[in-house]
Protein backbone atom coordinates (compact mmCIF):
# COMPACT_ATOMS: atom_id res chain seq x y z
CA MET A 1 109.97 107.97 119.38
CA ILE A 2 112.39 110.89 119.66
CA GLN A 3 115.14 108.91 117.93
CA PHE A 4 112.67 107.95 115.21
CA ILE A 5 111.92 111.63 114.56
CA LYS A 6 115.62 112.57 114.67
CA ASP A 7 116.42 109.94 112.06
CA GLN A 8 113.67 111.22 109.76
CA MET A 9 113.83 114.95 110.62
CA GLU A 10 113.30 116.28 107.08
CA GLU A 11 110.30 114.03 106.49
CA PHE A 12 108.82 114.92 109.87
CA LEU A 13 109.18 118.66 109.31
CA ILE A 14 107.47 118.49 105.92
CA GLY A 15 104.53 116.61 107.42
CA PHE A 16 104.42 118.88 110.48
CA VAL A 17 104.26 122.03 108.35
CA LEU A 18 101.52 120.38 106.29
CA GLY A 19 99.42 120.01 109.44
CA LEU A 20 100.19 123.55 110.63
CA GLY A 21 98.82 124.88 107.36
CA PHE A 22 95.29 124.23 108.63
CA PHE A 23 95.53 126.72 111.51
CA LEU A 24 92.64 128.85 110.27
CA ALA A 25 90.38 125.80 110.00
CA VAL A 26 91.10 123.98 113.28
CA GLY A 27 92.83 126.59 115.45
CA TRP A 28 95.52 125.42 117.86
CA TRP A 29 94.55 121.80 117.21
CA CYS A 30 96.74 122.16 114.14
CA VAL A 31 99.75 121.42 116.38
CA LEU A 32 98.34 117.96 117.15
CA LEU A 33 97.40 117.56 113.50
CA GLY A 34 100.98 118.53 112.57
CA LEU A 35 102.39 115.86 114.88
CA ILE A 36 100.09 113.21 113.41
CA THR A 37 100.82 114.15 109.81
CA GLY A 38 104.54 114.45 110.61
CA VAL A 39 104.69 110.89 111.95
CA ALA A 40 102.58 109.58 109.04
CA TYR A 41 104.89 111.38 106.61
CA CYS A 42 107.92 109.74 108.28
CA LEU A 43 106.36 106.29 108.12
CA GLY A 44 105.59 106.75 104.44
CA GLY A 45 109.07 108.09 103.73
CA MET A 46 110.81 105.12 105.27
CA GLY A 47 108.42 102.63 103.64
CA PHE A 48 107.07 101.20 106.93
CA LEU A 49 105.38 97.85 106.25
CA GLN A 50 106.64 98.13 102.65
CA THR A 51 104.07 100.80 101.75
CA LYS A 52 103.91 104.53 101.21
CA LEU A 53 100.19 104.67 101.96
CA TRP A 54 101.02 106.21 105.34
CA ARG A 55 101.95 109.39 103.49
CA ARG A 56 99.60 109.15 100.53
CA LEU A 57 96.41 108.27 102.40
CA GLY A 58 97.27 108.76 106.07
CA CYS A 59 97.95 112.49 105.87
CA PRO A 60 94.85 113.39 103.83
CA LEU A 61 92.65 111.23 106.07
CA ALA A 62 94.06 112.83 109.22
CA ILE A 63 93.34 116.24 107.73
CA LEU A 64 89.83 115.17 106.75
CA ILE A 65 89.10 113.93 110.27
CA ALA A 66 90.53 117.11 111.80
CA LEU A 67 88.44 119.35 109.59
CA ASN A 68 85.33 117.32 110.45
CA HIS A 69 83.50 118.74 107.45
CA TYR A 70 82.17 116.35 104.86
CA THR A 71 81.60 118.83 102.08
CA TRP A 72 82.63 118.68 98.47
CA ILE A 73 85.34 121.29 99.13
CA THR A 74 86.95 119.05 101.75
CA GLY A 75 86.74 116.10 99.40
CA LEU A 76 88.52 118.09 96.72
CA ALA A 77 91.18 119.14 99.23
CA VAL A 78 91.79 115.50 100.17
CA LEU A 79 92.14 114.52 96.52
CA ALA A 80 94.51 117.42 95.89
CA SER A 81 96.56 116.42 98.96
CA PHE A 82 96.76 112.84 97.69
CA GLY A 83 98.13 114.11 94.38
CA LEU A 84 100.64 116.47 95.97
CA LEU A 85 101.89 113.90 98.47
CA SER A 86 102.48 111.36 95.70
CA ILE A 87 105.20 113.54 94.19
CA GLY A 88 108.73 112.44 95.10
CA TYR A 89 112.16 114.00 94.80
CA GLY A 90 112.65 112.73 91.28
CA ARG A 91 115.10 110.05 92.32
CA ARG A 92 114.50 106.55 91.05
CA ASP A 93 113.34 104.24 93.82
CA ASN A 94 113.18 100.50 93.22
CA ASN A 95 111.19 99.90 96.43
CA VAL A 96 107.93 101.24 95.03
C-alpha cells in the first residue's frame, strides 16, 4: 500500500486535500475521509479496472457518506464535485 501511494504521490495528495477540505463539516474524521478520497483518486488516476469512475464517482460518494446529510445542498455539492473531478490536465489520453 505504501509503495502504491509513493508511485501515485501527486494523485494521492490531491485526493487527500480534497477530503481535508471538509474539516468544518466532519471534524477530525476528515483525515480518514482524506485517506479514502486519496486512494480513490489514485485508483482513478491510474485507470484501475480500465475506469476512472473511482475518481469521478468514488470521491463524491465518499464525501456524501461522510457528511451523512441527504439535503439538496449536499446533492448539489456531489454534482459539483463530479464536474470538478472530471477535469483533466489537458493532455490527450487515448485510454478514456
